[in-house]
Amino acid sequence: RYPLIHHSKDQNFQRLYHQMKDWQVNYPVIIYNLMGTK
């Protein structure tokens, strides 16, 4: 759930969150997040 972002205690994630907010991307990027379930 998006609100979990406010419960994160991962400082690396928080830094990344602010860096990505400042990212001035003005071209298309496609991300595929593939996960497994054992």
Full PDB file with SEQRES, HELIX, SHEET, SSBOND, CRYST1, ORIGX, SCALE, CONECT and MASTER records, all heavy atoms in Angstrom:
SEQRES   1 A   38  ARG TYR PRO LEU ILE HIS HIS SER LYS ASP GLN ASN PHE          
SEQRES   2 A   38  GLN ARG LEU TYR HIS GLN MET LYS ASP TRP GLN VAL ASN          
SEQRES   3 A   38  TYR PRO VAL ILE ILE TYR ASN LEU MET GLY THR LYS              
HELIX    1 AA1 TYR A    2  HIS A    7  5                                   6    
HELIX    2 AA2 GLN A   11  ASP A   22  1                                  12    
CRYST1    1.000    1.000    1.000  90.00  90.00  90.00 P 1           1          
ORIGX1      1.000000  0.000000  0.000000        0.00000                         
ORIGX2      0.000000  1.000000  0.000000        0.00000                         
ORIGX3      0.000000  0.000000  1.000000        0.00000                         
SCALE1      1.000000  0.000000  0.000000        0.00000                         
SCALE2      0.000000  1.000000  0.000000        0.00000                         
SCALE3      0.000000  0.000000  1.000000        0.00000                         
ATOM      1  N   ARG A   1       0.878  -1.177   0.000  1.00  0.00           N  
ATOM      2  CA  ARG A   1       0.000   0.000   0.000  1.00  0.00           C  
ATOM      3  C   ARG A   1       0.910   1.220   0.000  1.00  0.00           C  
ATOM      4  O   ARG A   1       1.901   1.259   0.724  1.00  0.00           O  
ATOM      5  CB  ARG A   1      -0.903   0.030   1.248  1.00  0.00           C  
ATOM      6  CG  ARG A   1      -1.961  -1.072   1.303  1.00  0.00           C  
ATOM      7  CD  ARG A   1      -2.775  -1.005   2.589  1.00  0.00           C  
ATOM      8  NE  ARG A   1      -1.961  -1.309   3.744  1.00  0.00           N  
ATOM      9  CZ  ARG A   1      -1.611  -0.425   4.670  1.00  0.00           C  
ATOM     10  NH1 ARG A   1      -1.990   0.853   4.564  1.00  0.00           N  
ATOM     11  NH2 ARG A   1      -0.878  -0.774   5.709  1.00  0.00           N  
ATOM     12  N   TYR A   2       0.583   2.223  -0.778  1.00  0.00           N  
ATOM     13  CA  TYR A   2       1.444   3.389  -0.876  1.00  0.00           C  
ATOM     14  C   TYR A   2       1.730   4.028   0.490  1.00  0.00           C  
ATOM     15  O   TYR A   2       2.873   4.453   0.739  1.00  0.00           O  
ATOM     16  CB  TYR A   2       0.841   4.430  -1.822  1.00  0.00           C  
ATOM     17  CG  TYR A   2       1.692   5.667  -1.940  1.00  0.00           C  
ATOM     18  CD1 TYR A   2       2.831   5.677  -2.750  1.00  0.00           C  
ATOM     19  CD2 TYR A   2       1.386   6.821  -1.223  1.00  0.00           C  
ATOM     20  CE1 TYR A   2       3.622   6.795  -2.851  1.00  0.00           C  
ATOM     21  CE2 TYR A   2       2.190   7.952  -1.311  1.00  0.00           C  
ATOM     22  CZ  TYR A   2       3.305   7.936  -2.126  1.00  0.00           C  
ATOM     23  OH  TYR A   2       4.101   9.051  -2.220  1.00  0.00           O  
ATOM     24  N   PRO A   3       0.752   4.125   1.415  1.00  0.00           N  
ATOM     25  CA  PRO A   3       1.038   4.753   2.714  1.00  0.00           C  
ATOM     26  C   PRO A   3       2.159   4.083   3.516  1.00  0.00           C  
ATOM     27  O   PRO A   3       2.691   4.685   4.451  1.00  0.00           O  
ATOM     28  CB  PRO A   3      -0.297   4.642   3.457  1.00  0.00           C  
ATOM     29  CG  PRO A   3      -1.322   4.626   2.371  1.00  0.00           C  
ATOM     30  CD  PRO A   3      -0.685   3.824   1.270  1.00  0.00           C  
ATOM     31  N   LEU A   4       2.519   2.853   3.141  1.00  0.00           N  
ATOM     32  CA  LEU A   4       3.613   2.187   3.856  1.00  0.00           C  
ATOM     33  C   LEU A   4       4.917   2.966   3.732  1.00  0.00           C  
ATOM     34  O   LEU A   4       5.841   2.771   4.534  1.00  0.00           O  
ATOM     35  CB  LEU A   4       3.806   0.768   3.316  1.00  0.00           C  
ATOM     36  CG  LEU A   4       2.765  -0.270   3.731  1.00  0.00           C  
ATOM     37  CD1 LEU A   4       2.975  -1.572   2.980  1.00  0.00           C  
ATOM     38  CD2 LEU A   4       2.822  -0.503   5.230  1.00  0.00           C  
ATOM     39  N   ILE A   5       4.985   3.836   2.737  1.00  0.00           N  
ATOM     40  CA  ILE A   5       6.197   4.625   2.550  1.00  0.00           C  
ATOM     41  C   ILE A   5       6.494   5.474   3.785  1.00  0.00           C  
ATOM     42  O   ILE A   5       7.636   5.767   4.112  1.00  0.00           O  
ATOM     43  CB  ILE A   5       6.074   5.495   1.282  1.00  0.00           C  
ATOM     44  CG1 ILE A   5       7.453   5.953   0.835  1.00  0.00           C  
ATOM     45  CG2 ILE A   5       5.157   6.684   1.500  1.00  0.00           C  
ATOM     46  CD1 ILE A   5       7.470   6.569  -0.536  1.00  0.00           C  
ATOM     47  N   HIS A   6       5.434   5.841   4.504  1.00  0.00           N  
ATOM     48  CA  HIS A   6       5.603   6.672   5.694  1.00  0.00           C  
ATOM     49  C   HIS A   6       5.971   5.845   6.922  1.00  0.00           C  
ATOM     50  O   HIS A   6       6.296   6.405   7.977  1.00  0.00           O  
ATOM     51  CB  HIS A   6       4.312   7.452   5.968  1.00  0.00           C  
ATOM     52  CG  HIS A   6       3.870   8.290   4.805  1.00  0.00           C  
ATOM     53  ND1 HIS A   6       4.611   9.338   4.321  1.00  0.00           N  
ATOM     54  CD2 HIS A   6       2.756   8.206   4.014  1.00  0.00           C  
ATOM     55  CE1 HIS A   6       3.982   9.885   3.297  1.00  0.00           C  
ATOM     56  NE2 HIS A   6       2.862   9.217   3.081  1.00  0.00           N  
ATOM     57  N   HIS A   7       5.929   4.527   6.809  1.00  0.00           N  
ATOM     58  CA  HIS A   7       6.292   3.641   7.913  1.00  0.00           C  
ATOM     59  C   HIS A   7       7.675   3.018   7.712  1.00  0.00           C  
ATOM     60  O   HIS A   7       8.129   2.249   8.556  1.00  0.00           O  
ATOM     61  CB  HIS A   7       5.253   2.534   8.062  1.00  0.00           C  
ATOM     62  CG  HIS A   7       3.875   3.040   8.394  1.00  0.00           C  
ATOM     63  ND1 HIS A   7       3.487   3.354   9.684  1.00  0.00           N  
ATOM     64  CD2 HIS A   7       2.815   3.306   7.601  1.00  0.00           C  
ATOM     65  CE1 HIS A   7       2.227   3.791   9.665  1.00  0.00           C  
ATOM     66  NE2 HIS A   7       1.802   3.764   8.420  1.00  0.00           N  
ATOM     67  N   SER A   8       8.302   3.369   6.604  1.00  0.00           N  
ATOM     68  CA  SER A   8       9.614   2.800   6.313  1.00  0.00           C  
ATOM     69  C   SER A   8      10.666   3.319   7.282  1.00  0.00           C  
ATOM     70  O   SER A   8      10.743   4.514   7.563  1.00  0.00           O  
ATOM     71  CB  SER A   8      10.025   3.146   4.884  1.00  0.00           C  
ATOM     72  OG  SER A   8      11.374   2.794   4.657  1.00  0.00           O  
ATOM     73  N   LYS A   9      11.495   2.407   7.777  1.00  0.00           N  
ATOM     74  CA  LYS A   9      12.623   2.772   8.623  1.00  0.00           C  
ATOM     75  C   LYS A   9      13.948   2.523   7.910  1.00  0.00           C  
ATOM     76  O   LYS A   9      15.016   2.556   8.531  1.00  0.00           O  
ATOM     77  CB  LYS A   9      12.557   1.980   9.931  1.00  0.00           C  
ATOM     78  CG  LYS A   9      11.319   2.279  10.764  1.00  0.00           C  
ATOM     79  CD  LYS A   9      11.290   1.447  12.032  1.00  0.00           C  
ATOM     80  CE  LYS A   9      10.021   1.737  12.841  1.00  0.00           C  
ATOM     81  NZ  LYS A   9       9.945   0.905  14.063  1.00  0.00           N  
ATOM     82  N   ASP A  10      13.846   2.269   6.618  1.00  0.00           N  
ATOM     83  CA  ASP A  10      15.022   2.006   5.792  1.00  0.00           C  
ATOM     84  C   ASP A  10      15.564   3.344   5.271  1.00  0.00           C  
ATOM     85  O   ASP A  10      14.975   3.953   4.373  1.00  0.00           O  
ATOM     86  CB  ASP A  10      14.643   1.081   4.636  1.00  0.00           C  
ATOM     87  CG  ASP A  10      15.839   0.652   3.801  1.00  0.00           C  
ATOM     88  OD1 ASP A  10      16.883   1.321   3.862  1.00  0.00           O  
ATOM     89  OD2 ASP A  10      15.712  -0.348   3.069  1.00  0.00           O  
ATOM     90  N   GLN A  11      16.667   3.808   5.824  1.00  0.00           N  
ATOM     91  CA  GLN A  11      17.226   5.102   5.439  1.00  0.00           C  
ATOM     92  C   GLN A  11      17.677   5.110   3.981  1.00  0.00           C  
ATOM     93  O   GLN A  11      17.604   6.146   3.308  1.00  0.00           O  
ATOM     94  CB  GLN A  11      18.387   5.473   6.359  1.00  0.00           C  
ATOM     95  CG  GLN A  11      17.967   5.730   7.801  1.00  0.00           C  
ATOM     96  CD  GLN A  11      19.129   6.126   8.681  1.00  0.00           C  
ATOM     97  OE1 GLN A  11      20.295   6.069   8.280  1.00  0.00           O  
ATOM     98  NE2 GLN A  11      18.826   6.535   9.905  1.00  0.00           N  
ATOM     99  N   ASN A  12      18.142   3.963   3.494  1.00  0.00           N  
ATOM    100  CA  ASN A  12      18.537   3.884   2.085  1.00  0.00           C  
ATOM    101  C   ASN A  12      17.328   4.099   1.171  1.00  0.00           C  
ATOM    102  O   ASN A  12      17.418   4.786   0.147  1.00  0.00           O  
ATOM    103  CB  ASN A  12      19.166   2.519   1.795  1.00  0.00           C  
ATOM    104  CG  ASN A  12      20.427   2.292   2.600  1.00  0.00           C  
ATOM    105  OD1 ASN A  12      21.305   3.144   2.656  1.00  0.00           O  
ATOM    106  ND2 ASN A  12      20.518   1.128   3.236  1.00  0.00           N  
ATOM    107  N   PHE A  13      16.207   3.526   1.552  1.00  0.00           N  
ATOM    108  CA  PHE A  13      14.980   3.699   0.779  1.00  0.00           C  
ATOM    109  C   PHE A  13      14.514   5.151   0.823  1.00  0.00           C  
ATOM    110  O   PHE A  13      14.100   5.715  -0.196  1.00  0.00           O  
ATOM    111  CB  PHE A  13      13.886   2.777   1.318  1.00  0.00           C  
ATOM    112  CG  PHE A  13      12.550   2.964   0.653  1.00  0.00           C  
ATOM    113  CD1 PHE A  13      12.285   2.398  -0.572  1.00  0.00           C  
ATOM    114  CD2 PHE A  13      11.557   3.719   1.262  1.00  0.00           C  
ATOM    115  CE1 PHE A  13      11.058   2.565  -1.192  1.00  0.00           C  
ATOM    116  CE2 PHE A  13      10.329   3.898   0.673  1.00  0.00           C  
ATOM    117  CZ  PHE A  13      10.076   3.317  -0.568  1.00  0.00           C  
ATOM    118  N   GLN A  14      14.580   5.762   1.996  1.00  0.00           N  
ATOM    119  CA  GLN A  14      14.139   7.150   2.128  1.00  0.00           C  
ATOM    120  C   GLN A  14      14.998   8.077   1.274  1.00  0.00           C  
ATOM    121  O   GLN A  14      14.480   8.996   0.620  1.00  0.00           O  
ATOM    122  CB  GLN A  14      14.188   7.581   3.599  1.00  0.00           C  
ATOM    123  CG  GLN A  14      13.180   6.879   4.490  1.00  0.00           C  
ATOM    124  CD  GLN A  14      11.736   7.207   4.098  1.00  0.00           C  
ATOM    125  OE1 GLN A  14      11.455   8.264   3.556  1.00  0.00           O  
ATOM    126  NE2 GLN A  14      10.826   6.285   4.385  1.00  0.00           N  
ATOM    127  N   ARG A  15      16.287   7.847   1.262  1.00  0.00           N  
ATOM    128  CA  ARG A  15      17.177   8.651   0.420  1.00  0.00           C  
ATOM    129  C   ARG A  15      16.840   8.447  -1.055  1.00  0.00           C  
ATOM    130  O   ARG A  15      16.782   9.400  -1.839  1.00  0.00           O  
ATOM    131  CB  ARG A  15      18.632   8.289   0.688  1.00  0.00           C  
ATOM    132  CG  ARG A  15      19.625   9.105  -0.138  1.00  0.00           C  
ATOM    133  CD  ARG A  15      21.059   8.858   0.286  1.00  0.00           C  
ATOM    134  NE  ARG A  15      21.466   7.474   0.122  1.00  0.00           N  
ATOM    135  CZ  ARG A  15      21.650   6.634   1.127  1.00  0.00           C  
ATOM    136  NH1 ARG A  15      21.447   7.023   2.372  1.00  0.00           N  
ATOM    137  NH2 ARG A  15      22.026   5.393   0.901  1.00  0.00           N  
ATOM    138  N   LEU A  16      16.597   7.198  -1.426  1.00  0.00           N  
ATOM    139  CA  LEU A  16      16.249   6.887  -2.801  1.00  0.00           C  
ATOM    140  C   LEU A  16      14.926   7.531  -3.200  1.00  0.00           C  
ATOM    141  O   LEU A  16      14.763   8.034  -4.322  1.00  0.00           O  
ATOM    142  CB  LEU A  16      16.169   5.363  -2.963  1.00  0.00           C  
ATOM    143  CG  LEU A  16      16.082   4.793  -4.369  1.00  0.00           C  
ATOM    144  CD1 LEU A  16      17.267   5.220  -5.207  1.00  0.00           C  
ATOM    145  CD2 LEU A  16      15.993   3.271  -4.307  1.00  0.00           C  
ATOM    146  N   TYR A  17      13.982   7.554  -2.279  1.00  0.00           N  
ATOM    147  CA  TYR A  17      12.674   8.161  -2.533  1.00  0.00           C  
ATOM    148  C   TYR A  17      12.829   9.642  -2.885  1.00  0.00           C  
ATOM    149  O   TYR A  17      12.239  10.140  -3.851  1.00  0.00           O  
ATOM    150  CB  TYR A  17      11.790   7.989  -1.304  1.00  0.00           C  
ATOM    151  CG  TYR A  17      10.466   8.706  -1.385  1.00  0.00           C  
ATOM    152  CD1 TYR A  17       9.455   8.265  -2.239  1.00  0.00           C  
ATOM    153  CD2 TYR A  17      10.226   9.831  -0.599  1.00  0.00           C  
ATOM    154  CE1 TYR A  17       8.240   8.928  -2.307  1.00  0.00           C  
ATOM    155  CE2 TYR A  17       9.012  10.497  -0.656  1.00  0.00           C  
ATOM    156  CZ  TYR A  17       8.027  10.041  -1.517  1.00  0.00           C  
ATOM    157  OH  TYR A  17       6.831  10.706  -1.585  1.00  0.00           O  
ATOM    158  N   HIS A  18      13.637  10.346  -2.141  1.00  0.00           N  
ATOM    159  CA  HIS A  18      13.841  11.775  -2.406  1.00  0.00           C  
ATOM    160  C   HIS A  18      14.650  11.995  -3.683  1.00  0.00           C  
ATOM    161  O   HIS A  18      14.383  12.947  -4.434  1.00  0.00           O  
ATOM    162  CB  HIS A  18      14.522  12.432  -1.211  1.00  0.00           C  
ATOM    163  CG  HIS A  18      13.660  12.489   0.016  1.00  0.00           C  
ATOM    164  ND1 HIS A  18      12.496  13.244   0.083  1.00  0.00           N  
ATOM    165  CD2 HIS A  18      13.766  11.860   1.219  1.00  0.00           C  
ATOM    166  CE1 HIS A  18      11.937  13.113   1.265  1.00  0.00           C  
ATOM    167  NE2 HIS A  18      12.680  12.266   1.978  1.00  0.00           N  
ATOM    168  N   GLN A  19      15.606  11.129  -3.946  1.00  0.00           N  
ATOM    169  CA  GLN A  19      16.378  11.245  -5.184  1.00  0.00           C  
ATOM    170  C   GLN A  19      15.488  11.046  -6.408  1.00  0.00           C  
ATOM    171  O   GLN A  19      15.610  11.774  -7.396  1.00  0.00           O  
ATOM    172  CB  GLN A  19      17.518  10.221  -5.189  1.00  0.00           C  
ATOM    173  CG  GLN A  19      18.644  10.527  -4.225  1.00  0.00           C  
ATOM    174  CD  GLN A  19      19.655   9.398  -4.154  1.00  0.00           C  
ATOM    175  OE1 GLN A  19      19.360   8.237  -4.483  1.00  0.00           O  
ATOM    176  NE2 GLN A  19      20.865   9.723  -3.704  1.00  0.00           N  
ATOM    177  N   MET A  20      14.587  10.086  -6.328  1.00  0.00           N  
ATOM    178  CA  MET A  20      13.725   9.817  -7.476  1.00  0.00           C  
ATOM    179  C   MET A  20      12.682  10.918  -7.669  1.00  0.00           C  
ATOM    180  O   MET A  20      12.279  11.201  -8.797  1.00  0.00           O  
ATOM    181  CB  MET A  20      13.056   8.445  -7.330  1.00  0.00           C  
ATOM    182  CG  MET A  20      14.029   7.299  -7.480  1.00  0.00           C  
ATOM    183  SD  MET A  20      13.269   5.715  -7.912  1.00  0.00           S  
ATOM    184  CE  MET A  20      12.848   5.983  -9.639  1.00  0.00           C  
ATOM    185  N   LYS A  21      12.255  11.546  -6.590  1.00  0.00           N  
ATOM    186  CA  LYS A  21      11.334  12.679  -6.721  1.00  0.00           C  
ATOM    187  C   LYS A  21      11.999  13.831  -7.470  1.00  0.00           C  
ATOM    188  O   LYS A  21      11.338  14.568  -8.213  1.00  0.00           O  
ATOM    189  CB  LYS A  21      10.870  13.149  -5.339  1.00  0.00           C  
ATOM    190  CG  LYS A  21       9.816  12.262  -4.695  1.00  0.00           C  
ATOM    191  CD  LYS A  21       9.314  12.838  -3.390  1.00  0.00           C  
ATOM    192  CE  LYS A  21       8.530  14.118  -3.624  1.00  0.00           C  
ATOM    193  NZ  LYS A  21       7.935  14.628  -2.359  1.00  0.00           N  
ATOM    194  N   ASP A  22      13.311  13.964  -7.304  1.00  0.00           N  
ATOM    195  CA  ASP A  22      14.053  15.043  -7.957  1.00  0.00           C  
ATOM    196  C   ASP A  22      14.513  14.680  -9.366  1.00  0.00           C  
ATOM    197  O   ASP A  22      15.046  15.536 -10.080  1.00  0.00           O  
ATOM    198  CB  ASP A  22      15.285  15.419  -7.118  1.00  0.00           C  
ATOM    199  CG  ASP A  22      14.903  16.033  -5.781  1.00  0.00           C  
ATOM    200  OD1 ASP A  22      13.782  16.560  -5.668  1.00  0.00           O  
ATOM    201  OD2 ASP A  22      15.728  15.965  -4.840  1.00  0.00           O  
ATOM    202  N   TRP A  23      14.337  13.425  -9.759  1.00  0.00           N  
ATOM    203  CA  TRP A  23      14.798  12.958 -11.071  1.00  0.00           C  
ATOM    204  C   TRP A  23      13.965  13.607 -12.168  1.00  0.00           C  
ATOM    205  O   TRP A  23      12.754  13.432 -12.234  1.00  0.00           O  
ATOM    206  CB  TRP A  23      14.680  11.434 -11.116  1.00  0.00           C  
ATOM    207  CG  TRP A  23      15.198  10.798 -12.370  1.00  0.00           C  
ATOM    208  CD1 TRP A  23      16.131  11.294 -13.232  1.00  0.00           C  
ATOM    209  CD2 TRP A  23      14.823   9.516 -12.890  1.00  0.00           C  
ATOM    210  NE1 TRP A  23      16.369  10.415 -14.265  1.00  0.00           N  
ATOM    211  CE2 TRP A  23      15.571   9.318 -14.068  1.00  0.00           C  
ATOM    212  CE3 TRP A  23      13.941   8.528 -12.460  1.00  0.00           C  
ATOM    213  CZ2 TRP A  23      15.447   8.162 -14.834  1.00  0.00           C  
ATOM    214  CZ3 TRP A  23      13.819   7.375 -13.216  1.00  0.00           C  
ATOM    215  CH2 TRP A  23      14.563   7.195 -14.386  1.00  0.00           C  
ATOM    216  N   GLN A  24      14.615  14.332 -13.045  1.00  0.00           N  
ATOM    217  CA  GLN A  24      13.930  15.026 -14.134  1.00  0.00           C  
ATOM    218  C   GLN A  24      13.898  14.135 -15.374  1.00  0.00           C  
ATOM    219  O   GLN A  24      14.534  14.427 -16.394  1.00  0.00           O  
ATOM    220  CB  GLN A  24      14.641  16.358 -14.438  1.00  0.00           C  
ATOM    221  CG  GLN A  24      14.714  17.316 -13.261  1.00  0.00           C  
ATOM    222  CD  GLN A  24      13.336  17.738 -12.782  1.00  0.00           C  
ATOM    223  OE1 GLN A  24      12.473  18.115 -13.578  1.00  0.00           O  
ATOM    224  NE2 GLN A  24      13.119  17.685 -11.463  1.00  0.00           N  
ATOM    225  N   VAL A  25      13.152  13.049 -15.298  1.00  0.00           N  
ATOM    226  CA  VAL A  25      13.058  12.134 -16.442  1.00  0.00           C  
ATOM    227  C   VAL A  25      11.950  12.611 -17.369  1.00  0.00           C  
ATOM    228  O   VAL A  25      10.800  12.750 -16.976  1.00  0.00           O  
ATOM    229  CB  VAL A  25      12.817  10.680 -15.965  1.00  0.00           C  
ATOM    230  CG1 VAL A  25      11.563  10.567 -15.105  1.00  0.00           C  
ATOM    231  CG2 VAL A  25      12.737   9.726 -17.152  1.00  0.00           C  
ATOM    232  N   ASN A  26      12.320  12.877 -18.619  1.00  0.00           N  
ATOM    233  CA  ASN A  26      11.366  13.406 -19.593  1.00  0.00           C  
ATOM    234  C   ASN A  26      11.284  12.533 -20.835  1.00  0.00           C  
ATOM    235  O   ASN A  26      10.972  13.007 -21.925  1.00  0.00           O  
ATOM    236  CB  ASN A  26      11.735  14.843 -19.972  1.00  0.00           C  
ATOM    237  CG  ASN A  26      13.165  14.939 -20.504  1.00  0.00           C  
ATOM    238  OD1 ASN A  26      13.852  13.933 -20.639  1.00  0.00           O  
ATOM    239  ND2 ASN A  26      13.595  16.158 -20.793  1.00  0.00           N  
ATOM    240  N   TYR A  27      11.592  11.265 -20.673  1.00  0.00           N  
ATOM    241  CA  TYR A  27      11.519  10.308 -21.766  1.00  0.00           C  
ATOM    242  C   TYR A  27      10.919   9.014 -21.218  1.00  0.00           C  
ATOM    243  O   TYR A  27      10.921   8.785 -20.013  1.00  0.00           O  
ATOM    244  CB  TYR A  27      12.915  10.059 -22.362  1.00  0.00           C  
ATOM    245  CG  TYR A  27      13.929   9.546 -21.372  1.00  0.00           C  
ATOM    246  CD1 TYR A  27      14.069   8.179 -21.111  1.00  0.00           C  
ATOM    247  CD2 TYR A  27      14.761  10.431 -20.675  1.00  0.00           C  
ATOM    248  CE1 TYR A  27      14.986   7.709 -20.195  1.00  0.00           C  
ATOM    249  CE2 TYR A  27      15.688   9.957 -19.750  1.00  0.00           C  
ATOM    250  CZ  TYR A  27      15.801   8.608 -19.522  1.00  0.00           C  
ATOM    251  OH  TYR A  27      16.714   8.139 -18.616  1.00  0.00           O  
ATOM    252  N   PRO A  28      10.391   8.157 -22.070  1.00  0.00           N  
ATOM    253  CA  PRO A  28       9.737   6.937 -21.571  1.00  0.00           C  
ATOM    254  C   PRO A  28      10.728   5.907 -21.034  1.00  0.00           C  
ATOM    255  O   PRO A  28      11.756   5.637 -21.648  1.00  0.00           O  
ATOM    256  CB  PRO A  28       9.000   6.397 -22.800  1.00  0.00           C  
ATOM    257  CG  PRO A  28       9.705   6.988 -23.971  1.00  0.00           C  
ATOM    258  CD  PRO A  28      10.219   8.323 -23.523  1.00  0.00           C  
ATOM    259  N   VAL A  29      10.413   5.356 -19.874  1.00  0.00           N  
ATOM    260  CA  VAL A  29      11.165   4.265 -19.256  1.00  0.00           C  
ATOM    261  C   VAL A  29      10.160   3.181 -18.879  1.00  0.00           C  
ATOM    262  O   VAL A  29       9.076   3.489 -18.379  1.00  0.00           O  
ATOM    263  CB  VAL A  29      11.917   4.733 -17.991  1.00  0.00           C  
ATOM    264  CG1 VAL A  29      12.654   3.567 -17.347  1.00  0.00           C  
ATOM    265  CG2 VAL A  29      12.876   5.861 -18.312  1.00  0.00           C  
ATOM    266  N   ILE A  30      10.517   1.933 -19.133  1.00  0.00           N  
ATOM    267  CA  ILE A  30       9.632   0.824 -18.792  1.00  0.00           C  
ATOM    268  C   ILE A  30      10.332  -0.065 -17.771  1.00  0.00           C  
ATOM    269  O   ILE A  30      11.456  -0.513 -17.993  1.00  0.00           O  
ATOM    270  CB  ILE A  30       9.244  -0.003 -20.025  1.00  0.00           C  
ATOM    271  CG1 ILE A  30       8.723   0.893 -21.150  1.00  0.00           C  
ATOM    272  CG2 ILE A  30       8.176  -1.038 -19.659  1.00  0.00           C  
ATOM    273  CD1 ILE A  30       8.424   0.157 -22.441  1.00  0.00           C  
ATOM    274  N   ILE A  31       9.664  -0.301 -16.657  1.00  0.00           N  
ATOM    275  CA  ILE A  31      10.213  -1.142 -15.601  1.00  0.00           C  
ATOM    276  C   ILE A  31       9.365  -2.401 -15.450  1.00  0.00           C  
ATOM    277  O   ILE A  31       8.142  -2.317 -15.338  1.00  0.00           O  
ATOM    278  CB  ILE A  31      10.266  -0.388 -14.257  1.00  0.00           C  
ATOM    279  CG1 ILE A  31      11.197   0.825 -14.365  1.00  0.00           C  
ATOM    280  CG2 ILE A  31      10.733  -1.313 -13.139  1.00  0.00           C  
ATOM    281  CD1 ILE A  31      11.264   1.654 -13.094  1.00  0.00           C  
ATOM    282  N   TYR A  32      10.029  -3.543 -15.448  1.00  0.00           N  
ATOM    283  CA  TYR A  32       9.367  -4.833 -15.234  1.00  0.00           C  
ATOM    284  C   TYR A  32       9.905  -5.418 -13.933  1.00  0.00           C  
ATOM    285  O   TYR A  32      11.094  -5.724 -13.829  1.00  0.00           O  
ATOM    286  CB  TYR A  32       9.643  -5.779 -16.401  1.00  0.00           C  
ATOM    287  CG  TYR A  32       9.069  -5.300 -17.713  1.00  0.00           C  
ATOM    288  CD1 TYR A  32       9.772  -4.395 -18.508  1.00  0.00           C  
ATOM    289  CD2 TYR A  32       7.822  -5.737 -18.160  1.00  0.00           C  
ATOM    290  CE1 TYR A  32       9.254  -3.945 -19.708  1.00  0.00           C  
ATOM    291  CE2 TYR A  32       7.295  -5.284 -19.360  1.00  0.00           C  
ATOM    292  CZ  TYR A  32       8.009  -4.393 -20.126  1.00  0.00           C  
ATOM    293  OH  TYR A  32       7.491  -3.936 -21.309  1.00  0.00           O  
ATOM    294  N   ASN A  33       9.038  -5.553 -12.972  1.00  0.00           N  
ATOM    295  CA  ASN A  33       9.408  -6.055 -11.657  1.00  0.00           C  
ATOM    296  C   ASN A  33       8.932  -7.505 -11.553  1.00  0.00           C  
ATOM    297  O   ASN A  33       7.757  -7.771 -11.305  1.00  0.00           O  
ATOM    298  CB  ASN A  33       8.758  -5.190 -10.575  1.00  0.00           C  
ATOM    299  CG  ASN A  33       9.358  -5.420  -9.203  1.00  0.00           C  
ATOM    300  OD1 ASN A  33      10.345  -6.133  -9.059  1.00  0.00           O  
ATOM    301  ND2 ASN A  33       8.759  -4.822  -8.187  1.00  0.00           N  
ATOM    302  N   LEU A  34       9.843  -8.449 -11.745  1.00  0.00           N  
ATOM    303  CA  LEU A  34       9.506  -9.869 -11.752  1.00  0.00           C  
ATOM    304  C   LEU A  34       9.914 -10.499 -10.425  1.00  0.00           C  
ATOM    305  O   LEU A  34      11.069 -10.379  -9.998  1.00  0.00           O  
ATOM    306  CB  LEU A  34      10.201 -10.586 -12.916  1.00  0.00           C  
ATOM    307  CG  LEU A  34      10.030  -9.955 -14.305  1.00  0.00           C  
ATOM    308  CD1 LEU A  34      10.669 -10.838 -15.373  1.00  0.00           C  
ATOM    309  CD2 LEU A  34       8.561  -9.700 -14.633  1.00  0.00           C  
ATOM    310  N   MET A  35       8.962 -11.149  -9.785  1.00  0.00           N  
ATOM    311  CA  MET A  35       9.199 -11.734  -8.462  1.00  0.00           C  
ATOM    312  C   MET A  35       8.856 -13.221  -8.478  1.00  0.00           C  
ATOM    313  O   MET A  35       8.081 -13.678  -9.320  1.00  0.00           O  
ATOM    314  CB  MET A  35       8.340 -11.018  -7.416  1.00  0.00           C  
ATOM    315  CG  MET A  35       8.628  -9.536  -7.280  1.00  0.00           C  
ATOM    316  SD  MET A  35       7.505  -8.711  -6.112  1.00  0.00           S  
ATOM    317  CE  MET A  35       5.972  -8.826  -7.018  1.00  0.00           C  
ATOM    318  N   GLY A  36       9.417 -13.949  -7.542  1.00  0.00           N  
ATOM    319  CA  GLY A  36       9.117 -15.370  -7.412  1.00  0.00           C  
ATOM    320  C   GLY A  36       8.452 -15.658  -6.085  1.00  0.00           C  
ATOM    321  O   GLY A  36       8.540 -14.887  -5.133  1.00  0.00           O  
ATOM    322  N   THR A  37       7.764 -16.791  -6.025  1.00  0.00           N  
ATOM    323  CA  THR A  37       7.173 -17.267  -4.781  1.00  0.00           C  
ATOM    324  C   THR A  37       7.590 -18.722  -4.593  1.00  0.00           C  
ATOM    325  O   THR A  37       7.229 -19.580  -5.397  1.00  0.00           O  
ATOM    326  CB  THR A  37       5.635 -17.183  -4.812  1.00  0.00           C  
ATOM    327  OG1 THR A  37       5.235 -15.844  -5.094  1.00  0.00           O  
ATOM    328  CG2 THR A  37       5.042 -17.620  -3.476  1.00  0.00           C  
ATOM    329  N   LYS A  38       8.365 -18.987  -3.562  1.00  0.00           N  
ATOM    330  CA  LYS A  38       8.834 -20.355  -3.354  1.00  0.00           C  
ATOM    331  C   LYS A  38       7.674 -21.247  -2.917  1.00  0.00           C  
ATOM    332  O   LYS A  38       6.649 -20.767  -2.411  1.00  0.00           O  
ATOM    333  CB  LYS A  38       9.945 -20.381  -2.309  1.00  0.00           C  
ATOM    334  CG  LYS A  38       9.470 -20.138  -0.881  1.00  0.00           C  
ATOM    335  CD  LYS A  38      10.584 -20.388   0.121  1.00  0.00           C  
ATOM    336  CE  LYS A  38      10.074 -20.254   1.554  1.00  0.00           C  
ATOM    337  NZ  LYS A  38      11.116 -20.545   2.554  1.00  0.00           N  
TER     338      LYS A  38                                                      
MASTER        0    0    0    2    0    0    0    6  337    1    0    3          
END                                                                             
